[in-house]
């Protein structure tokens, strides 16, 4: 079972993605937040296997949120989802941080497949 934290400021997207992913027998949503600052604290307490993080988070951005999650919960795989292409600098930074995947926000099946490909800790 892959335990997942969802981080996105769009509550409707979080709910839809959570519903889609929880229909799977091997993925469990253990937490959700729309607040990037809260994400690291949640990751530290919940210790998820993976976190799905929106790139365009207000107040710092998804890569800063990803970095906070990785510091608070080492070993958590971060999957970045985005509705925009993202800059070359963003992609380079994601690689430097060790982001597991960079995916389009509009395709929940790709998110599910990425999460499934991650080996739980």
PDB file of N, CA and C in Angstrom:
ATOM      1  N   UNK A   1       0.846  -1.173   0.000  1.00  0.00           N
ATOM      2  CA  UNK A   1       0.000   0.000   0.000  1.00  0.00           C
ATOM      3  C   UNK A   1       0.896   1.243   0.000  1.00  0.00           C
ATOM      4  N   UNK A   2       0.685   2.109  -0.975  1.00  0.00           N
ATOM      5  CA  UNK A   2       1.417   3.373  -1.047  1.00  0.00           C
ATOM      6  C   UNK A   2       0.603   4.446  -0.341  1.00  0.00           C
ATOM      7  N   UNK A   3       1.197   5.043   0.665  1.00  0.00           N
ATOM      8  CA  UNK A   3       0.550   6.083   1.475  1.00  0.00           C
ATOM      9  C   UNK A   3       0.912   7.448   0.898  1.00  0.00           C
ATOM     10  N   UNK A   4      -0.104   8.273   0.587  1.00  0.00           N
ATOM     11  CA  UNK A   4       0.106   9.499  -0.188  1.00  0.00           C
ATOM     12  C   UNK A   4      -0.439  10.732   0.533  1.00  0.00           C
ATOM     13  N   UNK A   5       0.346  11.802   0.468  1.00  0.00           N
ATOM     14  CA  UNK A   5      -0.056  13.134   0.924  1.00  0.00           C
ATOM     15  C   UNK A   5      -0.327  13.979  -0.317  1.00  0.00           C
ATOM     16  N   UNK A   6      -1.492  14.630  -0.378  1.00  0.00           N
ATOM     17  CA  UNK A   6      -1.838  15.515  -1.503  1.00  0.00           C
ATOM     18  C   UNK A   6      -1.668  16.963  -1.076  1.00  0.00           C
ATOM     19  N   UNK A   7      -0.937  17.729  -1.893  1.00  0.00           N
ATOM     20  CA  UNK A   7      -0.680  19.141  -1.595  1.00  0.00           C
ATOM     21  C   UNK A   7      -1.040  19.974  -2.830  1.00  0.00           C
ATOM     22  N   UNK A   8      -2.160  20.678  -2.742  1.00  0.00           N
ATOM     23  CA  UNK A   8      -2.617  21.518  -3.849  1.00  0.00           C
ATOM     24  C   UNK A   8      -3.580  22.548  -3.296  1.00  0.00           C
ATOM     25  N   UNK A   9      -3.444  23.799  -3.710  1.00  0.00           N
ATOM     26  CA  UNK A   9      -4.315  24.847  -3.196  1.00  0.00           C
ATOM     27  C   UNK A   9      -5.729  24.781  -3.776  1.00  0.00           C
ATOM     28  N   UNK A  10      -5.937  23.989  -4.794  1.00  0.00           N
ATOM     29  CA  UNK A  10      -7.256  23.828  -5.402  1.00  0.00           C
ATOM     30  C   UNK A  10      -7.973  22.646  -4.733  1.00  0.00           C
ATOM     31  N   UNK A  11      -8.880  22.958  -3.819  1.00  0.00           N
ATOM     32  CA  UNK A  11      -9.578  21.916  -3.056  1.00  0.00           C
ATOM     33  C   UNK A  11     -10.371  20.976  -3.958  1.00  0.00           C
ATOM     34  N   UNK A  12     -10.958  21.503  -5.034  1.00  0.00           N
ATOM     35  CA  UNK A  12     -11.713  20.645  -5.952  1.00  0.00           C
ATOM     36  C   UNK A  12     -10.806  19.631  -6.629  1.00  0.00           C
ATOM     37  N   UNK A  13      -9.632  20.071  -7.045  1.00  0.00           N
ATOM     38  CA  UNK A  13      -8.675  19.148  -7.659  1.00  0.00           C
ATOM     39  C   UNK A  13      -8.241  18.091  -6.648  1.00  0.00           C
ATOM     40  N   UNK A  14      -7.921  18.511  -5.421  1.00  0.00           N
ATOM     41  CA  UNK A  14      -7.503  17.551  -4.390  1.00  0.00           C
ATOM     42  C   UNK A  14      -8.576  16.496  -4.168  1.00  0.00           C
ATOM     43  N   UNK A  15      -9.822  16.931  -4.041  1.00  0.00           N
ATOM     44  CA  UNK A  15     -10.923  15.977  -3.808  1.00  0.00           C
ATOM     45  C   UNK A  15     -11.075  15.018  -4.984  1.00  0.00           C
ATOM     46  N   UNK A  16     -11.026  15.551  -6.195  1.00  0.00           N
ATOM     47  CA  UNK A  16     -11.185  14.698  -7.378  1.00  0.00           C
ATOM     48  C   UNK A  16     -10.032  13.699  -7.484  1.00  0.00           C
ATOM     49  N   UNK A  17      -8.801  14.169  -7.269  1.00  0.00           N
ATOM     50  CA  UNK A  17      -7.651  13.273  -7.357  1.00  0.00           C
ATOM     51  C   UNK A  17      -7.702  12.233  -6.242  1.00  0.00           C
ATOM     52  N   UNK A  18      -8.069  12.651  -5.035  1.00  0.00           N
ATOM     53  CA  UNK A  18      -8.173  11.707  -3.920  1.00  0.00           C
ATOM     54  C   UNK A  18      -9.200  10.622  -4.229  1.00  0.00           C
ATOM     55  N   UNK A  19     -10.346  11.009  -4.754  1.00  0.00           N
ATOM     56  CA  UNK A  19     -11.385  10.030  -5.104  1.00  0.00           C
ATOM     57  C   UNK A  19     -10.886   9.057  -6.161  1.00  0.00           C
ATOM     58  N   UNK A  20     -10.215   9.584  -7.174  1.00  0.00           N
ATOM     59  CA  UNK A  20      -9.689   8.738  -8.241  1.00  0.00           C
ATOM     60  C   UNK A  20      -8.656   7.753  -7.687  1.00  0.00           C
ATOM     61  N   UNK A  21      -7.709   8.268  -6.914  1.00  0.00           N
ATOM     62  CA  UNK A  21      -6.627   7.423  -6.411  1.00  0.00           C
ATOM     63  C   UNK A  21      -7.108   6.403  -5.386  1.00  0.00           C
ATOM     64  N   UNK A  22      -8.056   6.788  -4.556  1.00  0.00           N
ATOM     65  CA  UNK A  22      -8.528   5.860  -3.527  1.00  0.00           C
ATOM     66  C   UNK A  22      -9.390   4.740  -4.096  1.00  0.00           C
ATOM     67  N   UNK A  23      -9.812   4.857  -5.346  1.00  0.00           N
ATOM     68  CA  UNK A  23     -10.521   3.758  -5.995  1.00  0.00           C
ATOM     69  C   UNK A  23      -9.558   2.597  -6.265  1.00  0.00           C
ATOM     70  N   UNK A  24      -8.276   2.889  -6.191  1.00  0.00           N
ATOM     71  CA  UNK A  24      -7.239   1.881  -6.385  1.00  0.00           C
ATOM     72  C   UNK A  24      -7.044   1.114  -5.077  1.00  0.00           C
ATOM     73  N   UNK A  25      -6.819  -0.168  -5.170  1.00  0.00           N
ATOM     74  CA  UNK A  25      -6.658  -0.991  -3.973  1.00  0.00           C
ATOM     75  C   UNK A  25      -5.312  -0.790  -3.278  1.00  0.00           C
ATOM     76  N   UNK A  26      -4.336  -0.193  -3.964  1.00  0.00           N
ATOM     77  CA  UNK A  26      -2.985  -0.132  -3.396  1.00  0.00           C
ATOM     78  C   UNK A  26      -2.483   1.288  -3.123  1.00  0.00           C
ATOM     79  N   UNK A  27      -3.387   2.278  -3.150  1.00  0.00           N
ATOM     80  CA  UNK A  27      -3.027   3.664  -2.842  1.00  0.00           C
ATOM     81  C   UNK A  27      -3.992   4.175  -1.777  1.00  0.00           C
ATOM     82  N   UNK A  28      -3.426   4.764  -0.745  1.00  0.00           N
ATOM     83  CA  UNK A  28      -4.248   5.325   0.343  1.00  0.00           C
ATOM     84  C   UNK A  28      -3.839   6.775   0.583  1.00  0.00           C
ATOM     85  N   UNK A  29      -4.799   7.685   0.573  1.00  0.00           N
ATOM     86  CA  UNK A  29      -4.536   9.091   0.870  1.00  0.00           C
ATOM     87  C   UNK A  29      -4.508   9.224   2.397  1.00  0.00           C
ATOM     88  N   UNK A  30      -3.361   9.649   2.928  1.00  0.00           N
ATOM     89  CA  UNK A  30      -3.225   9.771   4.380  1.00  0.00           C
ATOM     90  C   UNK A  30      -3.346  11.216   4.853  1.00  0.00           C
ATOM     91  N   UNK A  31      -3.303  12.162   3.924  1.00  0.00           N
ATOM     92  CA  UNK A  31      -3.442  13.558   4.294  1.00  0.00           C
ATOM     93  C   UNK A  31      -3.580  14.445   3.084  1.00  0.00           C
ATOM     94  N   UNK A  32      -4.175  15.604   3.311  1.00  0.00           N
ATOM     95  CA  UNK A  32      -4.367  16.602   2.253  1.00  0.00           C
ATOM     96  C   UNK A  32      -4.168  17.984   2.845  1.00  0.00           C
ATOM     97  N   UNK A  33      -3.624  18.884   2.046  1.00  0.00           N
ATOM     98  CA  UNK A  33      -3.541  20.279   2.448  1.00  0.00           C
ATOM     99  C   UNK A  33      -3.475  21.173   1.219  1.00  0.00           C
ATOM    100  N   UNK A  34      -3.978  22.369   1.367  1.00  0.00           N
ATOM    101  CA  UNK A  34      -3.865  23.387   0.334  1.00  0.00           C
ATOM    102  C   UNK A  34      -2.849  24.437   0.729  1.00  0.00           C
ATOM    103  N   UNK A  35      -2.168  24.183   1.829  1.00  0.00           N
ATOM    104  CA  UNK A  35      -1.236  25.138   2.396  1.00  0.00           C
ATOM    105  C   UNK A  35       0.183  24.582   2.320  1.00  0.00           C
ATOM    106  N   UNK A  36       1.017  25.221   1.525  1.00  0.00           N
ATOM    107  CA  UNK A  36       2.387  24.751   1.354  1.00  0.00           C
ATOM    108  C   UNK A  36       3.175  24.725   2.643  1.00  0.00           C
ATOM    109  N   UNK A  37       2.944  25.703   3.513  1.00  0.00           N
ATOM    110  CA  UNK A  37       3.666  25.754   4.782  1.00  0.00           C
ATOM    111  C   UNK A  37       3.278  24.587   5.686  1.00  0.00           C
ATOM    112  N   UNK A  38       2.043  24.141   5.597  1.00  0.00           N
ATOM    113  CA  UNK A  38       1.567  23.027   6.407  1.00  0.00           C
ATOM    114  C   UNK A  38       2.052  21.677   5.873  1.00  0.00           C
ATOM    115  N   UNK A  39       2.413  21.627   4.611  1.00  0.00           N
ATOM    116  CA  UNK A  39       2.765  20.359   3.964  1.00  0.00           C
ATOM    117  C   UNK A  39       3.951  19.668   4.632  1.00  0.00           C
ATOM    118  N   UNK A  40       4.991  20.418   4.959  1.00  0.00           N
ATOM    119  CA  UNK A  40       6.172  19.807   5.579  1.00  0.00           C
ATOM    120  C   UNK A  40       5.828  19.234   6.949  1.00  0.00           C
ATOM    121  N   UNK A  41       5.042  19.960   7.728  1.00  0.00           N
ATOM    122  CA  UNK A  41       4.652  19.461   9.052  1.00  0.00           C
ATOM    123  C   UNK A  41       3.831  18.178   8.920  1.00  0.00           C
ATOM    124  N   UNK A  42       2.897  18.166   7.979  1.00  0.00           N
ATOM    125  CA  UNK A  42       2.100  16.958   7.751  1.00  0.00           C
ATOM    126  C   UNK A  42       2.981  15.794   7.310  1.00  0.00           C
ATOM    127  N   UNK A  43       3.893  16.062   6.404  1.00  0.00           N
ATOM    128  CA  UNK A  43       4.790  14.996   5.932  1.00  0.00           C
ATOM    129  C   UNK A  43       5.622  14.450   7.084  1.00  0.00           C
ATOM    130  N   UNK A  44       6.097  15.344   7.955  1.00  0.00           N
ATOM    131  CA  UNK A  44       6.897  14.906   9.089  1.00  0.00           C
ATOM    132  C   UNK A  44       6.109  14.040  10.055  1.00  0.00           C
ATOM    133  N   UNK A  45       4.844  14.349  10.263  1.00  0.00           N
ATOM    134  CA  UNK A  45       4.045  13.561  11.206  1.00  0.00           C
ATOM    135  C   UNK A  45       3.431  12.319  10.566  1.00  0.00           C
ATOM    136  N   UNK A  46       3.036  12.406   9.302  1.00  0.00           N
ATOM    137  CA  UNK A  46       2.372  11.280   8.636  1.00  0.00           C
ATOM    138  C   UNK A  46       3.349  10.282   8.000  1.00  0.00           C
ATOM    139  N   UNK A  47       4.547  10.771   7.652  1.00  0.00           N
ATOM    140  CA  UNK A  47       5.573   9.930   6.998  1.00  0.00           C
ATOM    141  C   UNK A  47       5.007   9.161   5.786  1.00  0.00           C
ATOM    142  N   UNK A  48       4.441   9.896   4.807  1.00  0.00           N
ATOM    143  CA  UNK A  48       3.881   9.216   3.630  1.00  0.00           C
ATOM    144  C   UNK A  48       4.986   8.621   2.765  1.00  0.00           C
ATOM    145  N   UNK A  49       4.606   7.660   1.956  1.00  0.00           N
ATOM    146  CA  UNK A  49       5.537   7.100   0.976  1.00  0.00           C
ATOM    147  C   UNK A  49       5.772   8.092  -0.145  1.00  0.00           C
ATOM    148  N   UNK A  50       4.714   8.872  -0.455  1.00  0.00           N
ATOM    149  CA  UNK A  50       4.800   9.825  -1.566  1.00  0.00           C
ATOM    150  C   UNK A  50       3.949  11.054  -1.262  1.00  0.00           C
ATOM    151  N   UNK A  51       4.329  12.158  -1.893  1.00  0.00           N
ATOM    152  CA  UNK A  51       3.546  13.389  -1.830  1.00  0.00           C
ATOM    153  C   UNK A  51       3.337  13.874  -3.256  1.00  0.00           C
ATOM    154  N   UNK A  52       2.097  14.196  -3.579  1.00  0.00           N
ATOM    155  CA  UNK A  52       1.761  14.787  -4.875  1.00  0.00           C
ATOM    156  C   UNK A  52       1.621  16.279  -4.627  1.00  0.00           C
ATOM    157  N   UNK A  53       2.480  17.078  -5.277  1.00  0.00           N
ATOM    158  CA  UNK A  53       2.580  18.506  -4.996  1.00  0.00           C
ATOM    159  C   UNK A  53       2.359  19.315  -6.268  1.00  0.00           C
ATOM    160  N   UNK A  54       1.453  20.285  -6.194  1.00  0.00           N
ATOM    161  CA  UNK A  54       1.206  21.202  -7.304  1.00  0.00           C
ATOM    162  C   UNK A  54       2.400  22.145  -7.456  1.00  0.00           C
ATOM    163  N   UNK A  55       2.849  22.343  -8.670  1.00  0.00           N
ATOM    164  CA  UNK A  55       3.968  23.241  -8.925  1.00  0.00           C
ATOM    165  C   UNK A  55       3.607  24.691  -8.610  1.00  0.00           C
ATOM    166  N   UNK A  56       2.392  25.091  -8.911  1.00  0.00           N
ATOM    167  CA  UNK A  56       1.991  26.499  -8.777  1.00  0.00           C
ATOM    168  C   UNK A  56       1.272  26.742  -7.460  1.00  0.00           C
ATOM    169  N   UNK A  57       1.978  26.550  -6.365  1.00  0.00           N
ATOM    170  CA  UNK A  57       1.409  26.822  -5.040  1.00  0.00           C
ATOM    171  C   UNK A  57       1.655  28.285  -4.691  1.00  0.00           C
ATOM    172  N   UNK A  58       0.667  28.954  -4.095  1.00  0.00           N
ATOM    173  CA  UNK A  58       0.889  30.341  -3.678  1.00  0.00           C
ATOM    174  C   UNK A  58       1.862  30.394  -2.500  1.00  0.00           C
ATOM    175  N   UNK A  59       2.568  31.491  -2.402  1.00  0.00           N
ATOM    176  CA  UNK A  59       3.453  31.696  -1.266  1.00  0.00           C
ATOM    177  C   UNK A  59       4.715  30.865  -1.305  1.00  0.00           C
ATOM    178  N   UNK A  60       5.379  30.811  -2.431  1.00  0.00           N
ATOM    179  CA  UNK A  60       6.660  30.118  -2.486  1.00  0.00           C
ATOM    180  C   UNK A  60       6.784  29.156  -3.630  1.00  0.00           C
ATOM    181  N   UNK A  61       5.738  28.480  -3.969  1.00  0.00           N
ATOM    182  CA  UNK A  61       5.791  27.570  -5.095  1.00  0.00           C
ATOM    183  C   UNK A  61       6.001  26.127  -4.675  1.00  0.00           C
ATOM    184  N   UNK A  62       5.633  25.242  -5.575  1.00  0.00           N
ATOM    185  CA  UNK A  62       5.660  23.815  -5.314  1.00  0.00           C
ATOM    186  C   UNK A  62       7.033  23.230  -5.064  1.00  0.00           C
ATOM    187  N   UNK A  63       8.058  23.788  -5.686  1.00  0.00           N
ATOM    188  CA  UNK A  63       9.392  23.226  -5.478  1.00  0.00           C
ATOM    189  C   UNK A  63       9.902  23.532  -4.070  1.00  0.00           C
ATOM    190  N   UNK A  64       9.550  24.687  -3.538  1.00  0.00           N
ATOM    191  CA  UNK A  64       9.903  24.999  -2.156  1.00  0.00           C
ATOM    192  C   UNK A  64       9.138  24.080  -1.201  1.00  0.00           C
ATOM    193  N   UNK A  65       7.885  23.819  -1.533  1.00  0.00           N
ATOM    194  CA  UNK A  65       7.077  22.893  -0.745  1.00  0.00           C
ATOM    195  C   UNK A  65       7.704  21.499  -0.799  1.00  0.00           C
ATOM    196  N   UNK A  66       8.098  21.070  -2.001  1.00  0.00           N
ATOM    197  CA  UNK A  66       8.737  19.756  -2.165  1.00  0.00           C
ATOM    198  C   UNK A  66       9.997  19.662  -1.316  1.00  0.00           C
ATOM    199  N   UNK A  67      10.795  20.715  -1.326  1.00  0.00           N
ATOM    200  CA  UNK A  67      12.023  20.719  -0.539  1.00  0.00           C
ATOM    201  C   UNK A  67      11.712  20.578   0.952  1.00  0.00           C
ATOM    202  N   UNK A  68      10.701  21.283   1.425  1.00  0.00           N
ATOM    203  CA  UNK A  68      10.303  21.179   2.825  1.00  0.00           C
ATOM    204  C   UNK A  68       9.835  19.778   3.191  1.00  0.00           C
ATOM    205  N   UNK A  69       9.097  19.153   2.298  1.00  0.00           N
ATOM    206  CA  UNK A  69       8.627  17.779   2.523  1.00  0.00           C
ATOM    207  C   UNK A  69       9.812  16.828   2.601  1.00  0.00           C
ATOM    208  N   UNK A  70      10.742  16.973   1.664  1.00  0.00           N
ATOM    209  CA  UNK A  70      11.906  16.079   1.637  1.00  0.00           C
ATOM    210  C   UNK A  70      12.785  16.242   2.878  1.00  0.00           C
ATOM    211  N   UNK A  71      12.853  17.458   3.403  1.00  0.00           N
ATOM    212  CA  UNK A  71      13.619  17.687   4.635  1.00  0.00           C
ATOM    213  C   UNK A  71      12.892  17.118   5.848  1.00  0.00           C
ATOM    214  N   UNK A  72      11.574  17.282   5.895  1.00  0.00           N
ATOM    215  CA  UNK A  72      10.787  16.832   7.046  1.00  0.00           C
ATOM    216  C   UNK A  72      10.573  15.324   7.071  1.00  0.00           C
ATOM    217  N   UNK A  73      10.536  14.716   5.902  1.00  0.00           N
ATOM    218  CA  UNK A  73      10.246  13.287   5.807  1.00  0.00           C
ATOM    219  C   UNK A  73      11.163  12.644   4.754  1.00  0.00           C
ATOM    220  N   UNK A  74      12.451  12.494   5.089  1.00  0.00           N
ATOM    221  CA  UNK A  74      13.379  11.878   4.129  1.00  0.00           C
ATOM    222  C   UNK A  74      12.854  10.518   3.676  1.00  0.00           C
ATOM    223  N   UNK A  75      13.018  10.248   2.410  1.00  0.00           N
ATOM    224  CA  UNK A  75      12.531   8.993   1.855  1.00  0.00           C
ATOM    225  C   UNK A  75      11.168   9.108   1.204  1.00  0.00           C
ATOM    226  N   UNK A  76      10.489  10.226   1.438  1.00  0.00           N
ATOM    227  CA  UNK A  76       9.206  10.448   0.771  1.00  0.00           C
ATOM    228  C   UNK A  76       9.470  10.804  -0.683  1.00  0.00           C
ATOM    229  N   UNK A  77       8.819  10.112  -1.588  1.00  0.00           N
ATOM    230  CA  UNK A  77       8.942  10.430  -3.012  1.00  0.00           C
ATOM    231  C   UNK A  77       7.993  11.579  -3.330  1.00  0.00           C
ATOM    232  N   UNK A  78       8.486  12.572  -4.060  1.00  0.00           N
ATOM    233  CA  UNK A  78       7.653  13.710  -4.429  1.00  0.00           C
ATOM    234  C   UNK A  78       7.326  13.636  -5.916  1.00  0.00           C
ATOM    235  N   UNK A  79       6.043  13.728  -6.212  1.00  0.00           N
ATOM    236  CA  UNK A  79       5.542  13.782  -7.576  1.00  0.00           C
ATOM    237  C   UNK A  79       4.982  15.184  -7.779  1.00  0.00           C
ATOM    238  N   UNK A  80       5.554  15.927  -8.695  1.00  0.00           N
ATOM    239  CA  UNK A  80       5.081  17.275  -8.994  1.00  0.00           C
ATOM    240  C   UNK A  80       4.045  17.182 -10.111  1.00  0.00           C
ATOM    241  N   UNK A  81       2.909  17.839  -9.888  1.00  0.00           N
ATOM    242  CA  UNK A  81       1.891  17.943 -10.943  1.00  0.00           C
ATOM    243  C   UNK A  81       1.772  19.412 -11.322  1.00  0.00           C
ATOM    244  N   UNK A  82       1.553  19.657 -12.597  1.00  0.00           N
ATOM    245  CA  UNK A  82       1.491  21.041 -13.045  1.00  0.00           C
ATOM    246  C   UNK A  82       0.547  21.203 -14.235  1.00  0.00           C
ATOM    247  N   UNK A  83      -0.133  22.328 -14.227  1.00  0.00           N
ATOM    248  CA  UNK A  83      -0.997  22.694 -15.349  1.00  0.00           C
ATOM    249  C   UNK A  83      -0.272  23.566 -16.353  1.00  0.00           C
ATOM    250  N   UNK A  84       0.983  23.900 -16.048  1.00  0.00           N
ATOM    251  CA  UNK A  84       1.813  24.703 -16.940  1.00  0.00           C
ATOM    252  C   UNK A  84       3.064  23.913 -17.292  1.00  0.00           C
ATOM    253  N   UNK A  85       3.731  24.322 -18.313  1.00  0.00           N
ATOM    254  CA  UNK A  85       4.931  23.616 -18.760  1.00  0.00           C
ATOM    255  C   UNK A  85       6.035  23.642 -17.703  1.00  0.00           C
ATOM    256  N   UNK A  86       6.223  24.784 -17.073  1.00  0.00           N
ATOM    257  CA  UNK A  86       7.327  24.911 -16.124  1.00  0.00           C
ATOM    258  C   UNK A  86       8.594  25.299 -16.855  1.00  0.00           C
ATOM    259  N   UNK A  87       9.403  26.078 -16.207  1.00  0.00           N
ATOM    260  CA  UNK A  87      10.623  26.559 -16.845  1.00  0.00           C
ATOM    261  C   UNK A  87      11.727  25.512 -16.782  1.00  0.00           C
ATOM    262  N   UNK A  88      12.738  25.725 -17.585  1.00  0.00           N
ATOM    263  CA  UNK A  88      13.906  24.843 -17.555  1.00  0.00           C
ATOM    264  C   UNK A  88      14.551  24.893 -16.173  1.00  0.00           C
ATOM    265  N   UNK A  89      14.575  26.071 -15.563  1.00  0.00           N
ATOM    266  CA  UNK A  89      15.121  26.206 -14.209  1.00  0.00           C
ATOM    267  C   UNK A  89      14.309  25.387 -13.203  1.00  0.00           C
ATOM    268  N   UNK A  90      12.977  25.400 -13.342  1.00  0.00           N
ATOM    269  CA  UNK A  90      12.130  24.601 -12.456  1.00  0.00           C
ATOM    270  C   UNK A  90      12.446  23.118 -12.602  1.00  0.00           C
ATOM    271  N   UNK A  91      12.582  22.668 -13.813  1.00  0.00           N
ATOM    272  CA  UNK A  91      12.861  21.243 -14.045  1.00  0.00           C
ATOM    273  C   UNK A  91      14.244  20.863 -13.519  1.00  0.00           C
ATOM    274  N   UNK A  92      15.201  21.735 -13.707  1.00  0.00           N
ATOM    275  CA  UNK A  92      16.551  21.470 -13.196  1.00  0.00           C
ATOM    276  C   UNK A  92      16.529  21.395 -11.670  1.00  0.00           C
ATOM    277  N   UNK A  93      15.828  22.345 -11.064  1.00  0.00           N
ATOM    278  CA  UNK A  93      15.719  22.352  -9.600  1.00  0.00           C
ATOM    279  C   UNK A  93      15.011  21.094  -9.103  1.00  0.00           C
ATOM    280  N   UNK A  94      13.971  20.677  -9.801  1.00  0.00           N
ATOM    281  CA  UNK A  94      13.260  19.444  -9.435  1.00  0.00           C
ATOM    282  C   UNK A  94      14.216  18.251  -9.490  1.00  0.00           C
ATOM    283  N   UNK A  95      15.032  18.195 -10.516  1.00  0.00           N
ATOM    284  CA  UNK A  95      16.017  17.112 -10.625  1.00  0.00           C
ATOM    285  C   UNK A  95      17.014  17.166  -9.470  1.00  0.00           C
ATOM    286  N   UNK A  96      17.477  18.366  -9.138  1.00  0.00           N
ATOM    287  CA  UNK A  96      18.426  18.529  -8.032  1.00  0.00           C
ATOM    288  C   UNK A  96      17.823  18.078  -6.706  1.00  0.00           C
ATOM    289  N   UNK A  97      16.546  18.343  -6.517  1.00  0.00           N
ATOM    290  CA  UNK A  97      15.872  17.944  -5.284  1.00  0.00           C
ATOM    291  C   UNK A  97      15.599  16.443  -5.230  1.00  0.00           C
ATOM    292  N   UNK A  98      15.609  15.802  -6.396  1.00  0.00           N
ATOM    293  CA  UNK A  98      15.301  14.376  -6.442  1.00  0.00           C
ATOM    294  C   UNK A  98      13.823  14.084  -6.603  1.00  0.00           C
ATOM    295  N   UNK A  99      13.091  15.014  -7.232  1.00  0.00           N
ATOM    296  CA  UNK A  99      11.673  14.799  -7.487  1.00  0.00           C
ATOM    297  C   UNK A  99      11.509  13.543  -8.346  1.00  0.00           C
ATOM    298  N   UNK A 100      10.603  12.661  -7.927  1.00  0.00           N
ATOM    299  CA  UNK A 100      10.429  11.366  -8.580  1.00  0.00           C
ATOM    300  C   UNK A 100       9.760  11.474  -9.949  1.00  0.00           C
ATOM    301  N   UNK A 101       8.845  12.435 -10.109  1.00  0.00           N
ATOM    302  CA  UNK A 101       8.134  12.564 -11.385  1.00  0.00           C
ATOM    303  C   UNK A 101       7.608  13.985 -11.535  1.00  0.00           C
ATOM    304  N   UNK A 102       7.475  14.399 -12.798  1.00  0.00           N
ATOM    305  CA  UNK A 102       6.936  15.704 -13.187  1.00  0.00           C
ATOM    306  C   UNK A 102       5.834  15.397 -14.180  1.00  0.00           C
ATOM    307  N   UNK A 103       4.573  15.642 -13.789  1.00  0.00           N
ATOM    308  CA  UNK A 103       3.448  15.171 -14.588  1.00  0.00           C
ATOM    309  C   UNK A 103       2.429  16.266 -14.861  1.00  0.00           C
ATOM    310  N   UNK A 104       1.667  16.108 -15.962  1.00  0.00           N
ATOM    311  CA  UNK A 104       0.581  17.066 -16.222  1.00  0.00           C
ATOM    312  C   UNK A 104      -0.527  16.881 -15.190  1.00  0.00           C
ATOM    313  N   UNK A 105      -1.060  17.979 -14.721  1.00  0.00           N
ATOM    314  CA  UNK A 105      -2.083  17.966 -13.684  1.00  0.00           C
ATOM    315  C   UNK A 105      -3.389  17.339 -14.164  1.00  0.00           C
ATOM    316  N   UNK A 106      -3.658  17.427 -15.438  1.00  0.00           N
ATOM    317  CA  UNK A 106      -4.938  16.968 -15.968  1.00  0.00           C
ATOM    318  C   UNK A 106      -5.051  15.480 -16.222  1.00  0.00           C
ATOM    319  N   UNK A 107      -4.048  14.687 -15.870  1.00  0.00           N
ATOM    320  CA  UNK A 107      -4.106  13.259 -16.172  1.00  0.00           C
ATOM    321  C   UNK A 107      -3.908  12.430 -14.902  1.00  0.00           C
ATOM    322  N   UNK A 108      -4.995  12.168 -14.171  1.00  0.00           N
ATOM    323  CA  UNK A 108      -4.863  11.429 -12.917  1.00  0.00           C
ATOM    324  C   UNK A 108      -4.328  10.005 -13.106  1.00  0.00           C
ATOM    325  N   UNK A 109      -4.552   9.421 -14.272  1.00  0.00           N
ATOM    326  CA  UNK A 109      -4.028   8.079 -14.515  1.00  0.00           C
ATOM    327  C   UNK A 109      -2.499   8.077 -14.503  1.00  0.00           C
ATOM    328  N   UNK A 110      -1.884   9.127 -15.043  1.00  0.00           N
ATOM    329  CA  UNK A 110      -0.417   9.219 -14.985  1.00  0.00           C
ATOM    330  C   UNK A 110       0.061   9.352 -13.552  1.00  0.00           C
ATOM    331  N   UNK A 111      -0.676  10.098 -12.739  1.00  0.00           N
ATOM    332  CA  UNK A 111      -0.318  10.240 -11.331  1.00  0.00           C
ATOM    333  C   UNK A 111      -0.419   8.873 -10.649  1.00  0.00           C
ATOM    334  N   UNK A 112      -1.513   8.173 -10.891  1.00  0.00           N
ATOM    335  CA  UNK A 112      -1.688   6.837 -10.313  1.00  0.00           C
ATOM    336  C   UNK A 112      -0.551   5.904 -10.733  1.00  0.00           C
ATOM    337  N   UNK A 113      -0.223   5.894 -11.998  1.00  0.00           N
ATOM    338  CA  UNK A 113       0.849   5.018 -12.480  1.00  0.00           C
ATOM    339  C   UNK A 113       2.194   5.383 -11.870  1.00  0.00           C
ATOM    340  N   UNK A 114       2.456   6.683 -11.726  1.00  0.00           N
ATOM    341  CA  UNK A 114       3.714   7.116 -11.100  1.00  0.00           C
ATOM    342  C   UNK A 114       3.770   6.654  -9.651  1.00  0.00           C
ATOM    343  N   UNK A 115       2.673   6.802  -8.931  1.00  0.00           N
ATOM    344  CA  UNK A 115       2.647   6.374  -7.538  1.00  0.00           C
ATOM    345  C   UNK A 115       2.816   4.864  -7.426  1.00  0.00           C
ATOM    346  N   UNK A 116       2.211   4.145  -8.331  1.00  0.00           N
ATOM    347  CA  UNK A 116       2.338   2.691  -8.326  1.00  0.00           C
ATOM    348  C   UNK A 116       3.755   2.225  -8.603  1.00  0.00           C
ATOM    349  N   UNK A 117       4.487   3.016  -9.375  1.00  0.00           N
ATOM    350  CA  UNK A 117       5.850   2.628  -9.739  1.00  0.00           C
ATOM    351  C   UNK A 117       6.849   2.868  -8.596  1.00  0.00           C
ATOM    352  N   UNK A 118       6.428   3.622  -7.593  1.00  0.00           N
ATOM    353  CA  UNK A 118       7.299   3.921  -6.464  1.00  0.00           C
ATOM    354  C   UNK A 118       7.273   2.762  -5.480  1.00  0.00           C
ATOM    355  N   UNK A 119       8.433   2.344  -5.068  1.00  0.00           N
ATOM    356  CA  UNK A 119       8.493   1.265  -4.072  1.00  0.00           C
ATOM    357  C   UNK A 119       8.268   1.853  -2.687  1.00  0.00           C
ATOM    358  N   UNK A 120       7.267   1.363  -1.950  1.00  0.00           N
ATOM    359  CA  UNK A 120       7.082   1.860  -0.587  1.00  0.00           C
ATOM    360  C   UNK A 120       8.317   1.602   0.255  1.00  0.00           C
ATOM    361  N   UNK A 121       8.525   2.509   1.227  1.00  0.00           N
ATOM    362  CA  UNK A 121       9.692   2.384   2.094  1.00  0.00           C
ATOM    363  C   UNK A 121       9.607   1.142   2.932  1.00  0.00           C
TER     364      UNK A 121
END
